[in-house]
């Protein structure tokens, strides 16, 4: 069974509190409704519950994204009072850096076996607005992120070393661990393949060459207290070499600390699998950025 989680449905469960309300108090509606269109700055940030699924190891995970309604304002919100998942948190692997716009399926939470009908709540505070969403395992929110039931399409596959572990579908753990120095570009190589749909695939047309997956690099977590752009990617949307499947970008870090980067590979279904949550792949890369004098980096 496949469930379409529309943007409005995924975000409608958010609880909005006025900027003056204290944590855990007040249920007055905000002067800034969730349905308000995007603004350059000053708008709100809300988590987005995509749904839940059975992982390859048999465990159950919830898949979560977010919506930043600011087109020219990104956020760095450390885990804590303004970025918390409860119960069991506040840190359950959520992002601390938030890009503009709708970001699909950026992280997952592995649920305990006895989770049953329990719920988690992800609360975010940005620009003075507090939004909270509920994460659950209701039957109508089940997903199939590893294979499209109709077309038998599967997500692109990513390797960070040739012959190493393959990653596809929603993010699960850290896919690669790297070292870098502030201000010095770090070259990140990956290899990407994609099989495409197996039922009613793109017809073989003379001269038609199916495009490879689209790649997008972004920041998932950055050290607290930073200002400006924490990481610069060159390029942020690198092209895949069709002959080898290799794709390369350079990441330059503004300051020392622990970072997690997100590499997303979209096939022809596009962002968030066109709302079906299949078939794209998100992988997390951890980078430890030391001082310029460390270890000769």
Protein backbone atom coordinates (compact mmCIF):
# COMPACT_ATOMS: atom_id res chain seq x y z
CA UNK A 1 0.00 0.00 0.00
CA UNK A 2 1.27 3.45 -0.86
CA UNK A 3 0.28 6.60 0.99
CA UNK A 4 0.63 10.12 -0.43
CA UNK A 5 1.59 12.54 2.31
CA UNK A 6 0.74 15.98 0.98
CA UNK A 7 2.56 19.06 2.25
CA UNK A 8 -0.54 20.49 3.86
CA UNK A 9 -1.38 17.21 5.58
CA UNK A 10 2.16 16.67 6.82
CA UNK A 11 2.32 20.11 8.36
CA UNK A 12 -1.27 20.51 9.51
CA UNK A 13 -0.59 18.74 12.81
CA UNK A 14 1.74 21.51 13.95
CA UNK A 15 0.81 23.32 17.15
CA UNK A 16 1.61 27.02 16.89
CA UNK A 17 2.12 29.17 19.96
CA UNK A 18 2.44 32.93 20.02
CA UNK A 19 5.95 34.36 20.29
CA UNK A 20 5.23 35.62 23.80
CA UNK A 21 4.00 32.28 25.17
CA UNK A 22 6.31 30.43 27.55
CA UNK A 23 7.48 26.90 26.88
CA UNK A 24 4.69 24.45 27.66
CA UNK A 25 2.11 27.21 28.15
CA UNK A 26 -0.46 28.95 26.01
CA UNK A 27 -2.48 27.60 23.12
CA UNK A 28 -3.42 30.90 21.49
CA UNK A 29 -3.18 30.84 17.70
CA UNK A 30 -0.23 32.64 16.19
CA UNK A 31 -0.66 35.82 14.18
CA UNK A 32 1.32 34.01 11.48
CA UNK A 33 -0.80 31.13 10.16
CA UNK A 34 0.88 28.01 8.80
CA UNK A 35 -0.82 28.56 5.47
CA UNK A 36 0.96 31.87 4.91
CA UNK A 37 3.10 31.91 1.78
CA UNK A 38 6.87 32.03 1.80
CA UNK A 39 8.62 35.20 2.95
CA UNK A 40 12.23 36.30 2.63
CA UNK A 41 12.72 36.52 6.41
CA UNK A 42 10.76 36.48 9.66
CA UNK A 43 8.55 33.50 8.95
CA UNK A 44 8.29 30.17 10.77
CA UNK A 45 9.91 26.74 10.68
CA UNK A 46 7.98 23.49 11.03
CA UNK A 47 8.89 19.82 11.06
CA UNK A 48 7.14 17.58 8.52
CA UNK A 49 6.11 14.02 9.34
CA UNK A 50 6.48 12.05 6.11
CA UNK A 51 5.32 8.71 7.53
CA UNK A 52 6.80 5.45 8.83
CA UNK A 53 8.21 2.31 7.26
CA UNK A 54 9.78 -1.07 7.87
CA UNK A 55 13.56 -0.84 7.51
CA UNK A 56 15.64 -3.54 5.85
CA UNK A 57 16.63 -4.97 9.24
CA UNK A 58 12.98 -5.40 10.23
CA UNK A 59 12.91 -2.42 12.57
CA UNK A 60 10.41 0.42 12.27
CA UNK A 61 11.48 3.99 11.54
CA UNK A 62 9.67 7.28 11.18
CA UNK A 63 10.74 9.51 8.30
CA UNK A 64 10.88 13.26 8.96
CA UNK A 65 11.56 16.42 6.97
CA UNK A 66 10.82 20.09 7.55
CA UNK A 67 9.50 23.28 6.01
CA UNK A 68 11.38 26.58 6.37
CA UNK A 69 9.02 29.31 5.15
CA UNK A 70 11.87 31.79 4.63
CA UNK A 71 13.41 32.09 1.19
CA UNK A 72 16.48 34.04 2.33
CA UNK A 73 16.88 32.94 5.95
CA UNK A 74 18.43 29.69 7.11
CA UNK A 75 18.65 28.61 10.74
CA UNK A 76 21.22 26.99 13.01
CA UNK A 77 19.27 25.75 16.02
CA UNK A 78 21.21 23.55 18.48
CA UNK A 79 19.51 20.57 20.07
CA UNK A 80 17.82 21.79 23.24
CA UNK A 81 14.83 23.88 24.23
CA UNK A 82 14.35 25.26 20.71
CA UNK A 83 14.97 21.98 18.87
CA UNK A 84 13.82 18.95 20.80
CA UNK A 85 12.16 15.56 20.32
CA UNK A 86 10.29 14.13 23.27
CA UNK A 87 9.99 11.78 25.04
CA UNK A 88 13.46 10.28 24.99
CA UNK A 89 15.27 13.34 23.65
CA UNK A 90 15.93 16.11 23.21
CA UNK A 91 18.47 14.68 20.73
CA UNK A 92 17.15 11.96 18.43
CA UNK A 93 19.29 12.71 15.40
CA UNK A 94 17.34 15.68 14.04
CA UNK A 95 19.03 18.43 12.01
CA UNK A 96 20.42 21.58 13.59
CA UNK A 97 20.87 23.46 10.29
CA UNK A 98 17.73 24.29 8.34
CA UNK A 99 17.75 25.26 4.68
CA UNK A 100 15.09 27.34 3.04
CA UNK A 101 11.97 25.70 1.67
CA UNK A 102 10.61 22.17 1.92
CA UNK A 103 13.20 19.50 2.66
CA UNK A 104 11.96 15.94 2.33
CA UNK A 105 12.90 12.95 4.47
CA UNK A 106 16.08 14.42 5.92
CA UNK A 107 16.33 12.04 8.89
CA UNK A 108 14.81 8.97 10.48
CA UNK A 109 14.23 7.76 14.03
CA UNK A 110 14.43 4.06 14.85
CA UNK A 111 11.55 3.21 17.15
CA UNK A 112 11.68 0.75 20.06
CA UNK A 113 9.86 -2.56 19.62
CA UNK A 114 7.25 -1.61 22.22
CA UNK A 115 6.45 1.77 20.60
CA UNK A 116 2.98 0.58 19.47
CA UNK A 117 0.55 3.53 19.60
CA UNK A 118 2.91 5.86 21.43
CA UNK A 119 3.90 9.23 19.95
CA UNK A 120 6.91 11.50 19.68
CA UNK A 121 6.79 15.29 19.43
CA UNK A 122 9.34 17.40 17.55
CA UNK A 123 9.31 21.04 18.66
CA UNK A 124 11.08 23.83 16.78
CA UNK A 125 11.35 27.50 17.73
CA UNK A 126 12.42 30.00 15.06
CA UNK A 127 11.81 33.74 14.70
CA UNK A 128 9.85 33.58 17.95
CA UNK A 129 7.33 31.04 16.66
CA UNK A 130 7.01 27.61 18.30
CA UNK A 131 5.78 24.76 16.10
CA UNK A 132 5.41 21.12 17.13
CA UNK A 133 4.53 18.03 15.10
CA UNK A 134 3.54 14.53 16.19
CA UNK A 135 5.38 11.42 14.97
CA UNK A 136 3.44 8.13 15.09
CA UNK A 137 2.81 4.81 13.37
CA UNK A 138 -0.81 5.09 12.28
CA UNK A 139 -1.61 2.65 9.50
CA UNK A 140 -2.55 5.30 6.93
CA UNK A 141 0.95 6.82 7.12
CA UNK A 142 2.94 3.71 6.14
CA UNK A 143 5.51 4.24 3.37
CA UNK A 144 7.40 2.10 0.84
CA UNK A 145 10.65 4.06 0.38
CA UNK A 146 12.71 1.15 -1.04
CA UNK A 147 10.49 0.17 -3.96
CA UNK A 148 7.59 1.75 -5.80
CA UNK A 149 4.82 -0.84 -5.69
CA UNK A 150 3.46 0.08 -9.13
CA UNK A 151 6.59 0.61 -11.25
CA UNK A 152 9.07 -1.44 -9.18
CA UNK A 153 11.31 1.58 -9.21
CA UNK A 154 14.05 1.67 -6.56
CA UNK A 155 16.13 4.53 -5.13
CA UNK A 156 19.57 5.44 -6.49
CA UNK A 157 22.48 3.67 -4.79
CA UNK A 158 25.41 5.61 -3.30
CA UNK A 159 28.90 4.39 -2.39
CA UNK A 160 31.51 6.55 -0.69
CA UNK A 161 34.28 4.10 -1.51
CA UNK A 162 34.45 1.68 -4.40
CA UNK A 163 33.60 -1.78 -3.22
CA UNK A 164 32.37 -0.41 0.11
CA UNK A 165 28.94 -0.36 1.70
CA UNK A 166 26.04 0.74 -0.48
CA UNK A 167 23.35 3.17 0.70
CA UNK A 168 19.90 3.72 -0.74
CA UNK A 169 16.59 5.10 0.45
CA UNK A 170 16.10 7.09 3.68
CA UNK A 171 19.16 7.98 5.79
CA UNK A 172 20.21 5.53 8.47
CA UNK A 173 23.31 6.25 10.49
CA UNK A 174 26.54 7.77 9.17
CA UNK A 175 27.54 6.68 5.67
CA UNK A 176 31.11 8.07 5.75
CA UNK A 177 33.45 9.79 8.21
CA UNK A 178 36.00 12.38 7.03
CA UNK A 179 38.51 14.93 8.35
CA UNK A 180 38.94 18.53 7.19
CA UNK A 181 40.57 21.86 8.04
CA UNK A 182 38.75 25.21 8.26
CA UNK A 183 39.05 27.23 5.07
CA UNK A 184 40.64 24.38 3.09
CA UNK A 185 38.41 22.62 0.54
CA UNK A 186 37.71 18.96 1.30
CA UNK A 187 37.18 16.81 -1.79
CA UNK A 188 34.32 14.34 -1.34
CA UNK A 189 33.95 11.55 -3.88
CA UNK A 190 30.98 9.25 -4.27
CA UNK A 191 29.67 6.78 -6.83
CA UNK A 192 26.01 6.68 -7.82
CA UNK A 193 23.96 4.23 -9.89
CA UNK A 194 20.24 4.00 -10.62
CA UNK A 195 18.30 1.17 -12.26
CA UNK A 196 15.06 3.03 -12.95
CA UNK A 197 11.54 1.57 -13.09
CA UNK A 198 11.24 -2.11 -14.02
CA UNK A 199 7.55 -1.95 -14.99
CA UNK A 200 6.68 0.31 -17.93
CA UNK A 201 10.18 1.82 -18.05
CA UNK A 202 11.09 4.75 -20.26
CA UNK A 203 10.70 3.49 -23.84
CA UNK A 204 13.85 3.00 -25.85
CA UNK A 205 13.82 5.95 -28.23
CA UNK A 206 16.59 6.41 -30.74
CA UNK A 207 19.01 8.99 -29.48
CA UNK A 208 17.38 9.25 -26.04
CA UNK A 209 19.82 9.04 -23.14
CA UNK A 210 18.11 8.81 -19.71
CA UNK A 211 19.56 11.40 -17.35
CA UNK A 212 21.50 10.21 -14.28
CA UNK A 213 20.19 11.06 -10.79
CA UNK A 214 20.37 14.66 -9.67
CA UNK A 215 22.75 15.28 -6.75
CA UNK A 216 22.35 17.86 -4.00
CA UNK A 217 24.72 18.55 -1.09
CA UNK A 218 23.57 20.43 2.01
CA UNK A 219 24.35 20.94 5.70
CA UNK A 220 22.48 18.73 8.16
CA UNK A 221 24.29 19.67 11.37
CA UNK A 222 26.79 22.41 12.14
CA UNK A 223 28.54 23.50 15.36
CA UNK A 224 26.56 25.77 17.66
CA UNK A 225 27.37 29.46 17.73
CA UNK A 226 28.40 29.81 14.13
CA UNK A 227 27.46 32.78 11.98
CA UNK A 228 27.08 33.10 8.22
CA UNK A 229 27.35 30.09 5.91
CA UNK A 230 28.83 27.11 7.81
CA UNK A 231 29.80 25.11 4.70
CA UNK A 232 30.30 26.10 1.07
CA UNK A 233 29.91 23.40 -1.58
CA UNK A 234 31.62 23.71 -4.96
CA UNK A 235 29.48 22.69 -6.69
CA UNK A 236 26.39 22.01 -4.52
CA UNK A 237 24.80 20.08 -7.42
CA UNK A 238 27.66 18.13 -9.02
CA UNK A 239 27.13 16.09 -12.16
CA UNK A 240 27.62 12.33 -12.27
CA UNK A 241 30.17 10.98 -14.72
CA UNK A 242 28.02 8.74 -16.90
CA UNK A 243 30.90 6.41 -17.69
CA UNK A 244 32.07 5.75 -14.14
CA UNK A 245 29.19 6.88 -11.91
CA UNK A 246 31.62 9.06 -9.97
CA UNK A 247 30.49 12.40 -8.58
CA UNK A 248 32.74 14.90 -6.78
CA UNK A 249 32.24 18.06 -4.79
CA UNK A 250 34.46 20.23 -2.60
CA UNK A 251 33.26 21.31 0.85
CA UNK A 252 34.86 24.26 2.65
CA UNK A 253 34.12 24.68 6.36
CA UNK A 254 33.97 28.06 8.07
CA UNK A 255 35.03 26.92 11.55
CA UNK A 256 36.29 23.90 13.52
CA UNK A 257 33.82 21.45 14.96
CA UNK A 258 31.66 18.45 14.15
CA UNK A 259 29.53 18.62 11.02
CA UNK A 260 27.08 16.28 9.33
CA UNK A 261 26.48 16.80 5.63
CA UNK A 262 23.59 15.41 3.61
CA UNK A 263 23.99 14.02 0.12
CA UNK A 264 20.72 13.56 -1.73
CA UNK A 265 20.31 11.64 -4.98
CA UNK A 266 17.01 12.16 -6.80
CA UNK A 267 15.90 9.98 -9.69
CA UNK A 268 13.26 11.05 -12.20
CA UNK A 269 10.57 11.11 -9.48
CA UNK A 270 12.16 14.29 -8.07
CA UNK A 271 12.09 15.81 -4.58
CA UNK A 272 10.50 13.52 -2.02
CA UNK A 273 9.69 11.02 -4.75
CA UNK A 274 6.96 13.35 -5.98
CA UNK A 275 5.26 13.01 -2.58
CA UNK A 276 5.40 9.19 -2.49
CA UNK A 277 8.76 9.10 -0.61
CA UNK A 278 10.19 6.79 -3.25
CA UNK A 279 12.55 6.87 -5.01
CA UNK A 280 15.36 9.07 -3.75
CA UNK A 281 18.34 8.47 -1.46
CA UNK A 282 19.63 10.59 1.43
CA UNK A 283 22.98 9.79 3.05
CA UNK A 284 24.71 11.50 5.98
CA UNK A 285 28.46 12.19 6.02
CA UNK A 286 30.20 13.16 9.26
CA UNK A 287 33.13 15.58 9.00
CA UNK A 288 35.42 16.48 11.91
CA UNK A 289 36.97 19.87 11.20
CA UNK A 290 40.07 20.48 13.29
CA UNK A 291 42.20 23.60 13.76
CA UNK A 292 44.43 24.59 10.88
CA UNK A 293 47.53 23.30 12.66
CA UNK A 294 46.19 19.83 13.52
CA UNK A 295 47.77 16.67 12.10
CA UNK A 296 49.20 18.49 9.13
CA UNK A 297 45.78 18.85 7.51
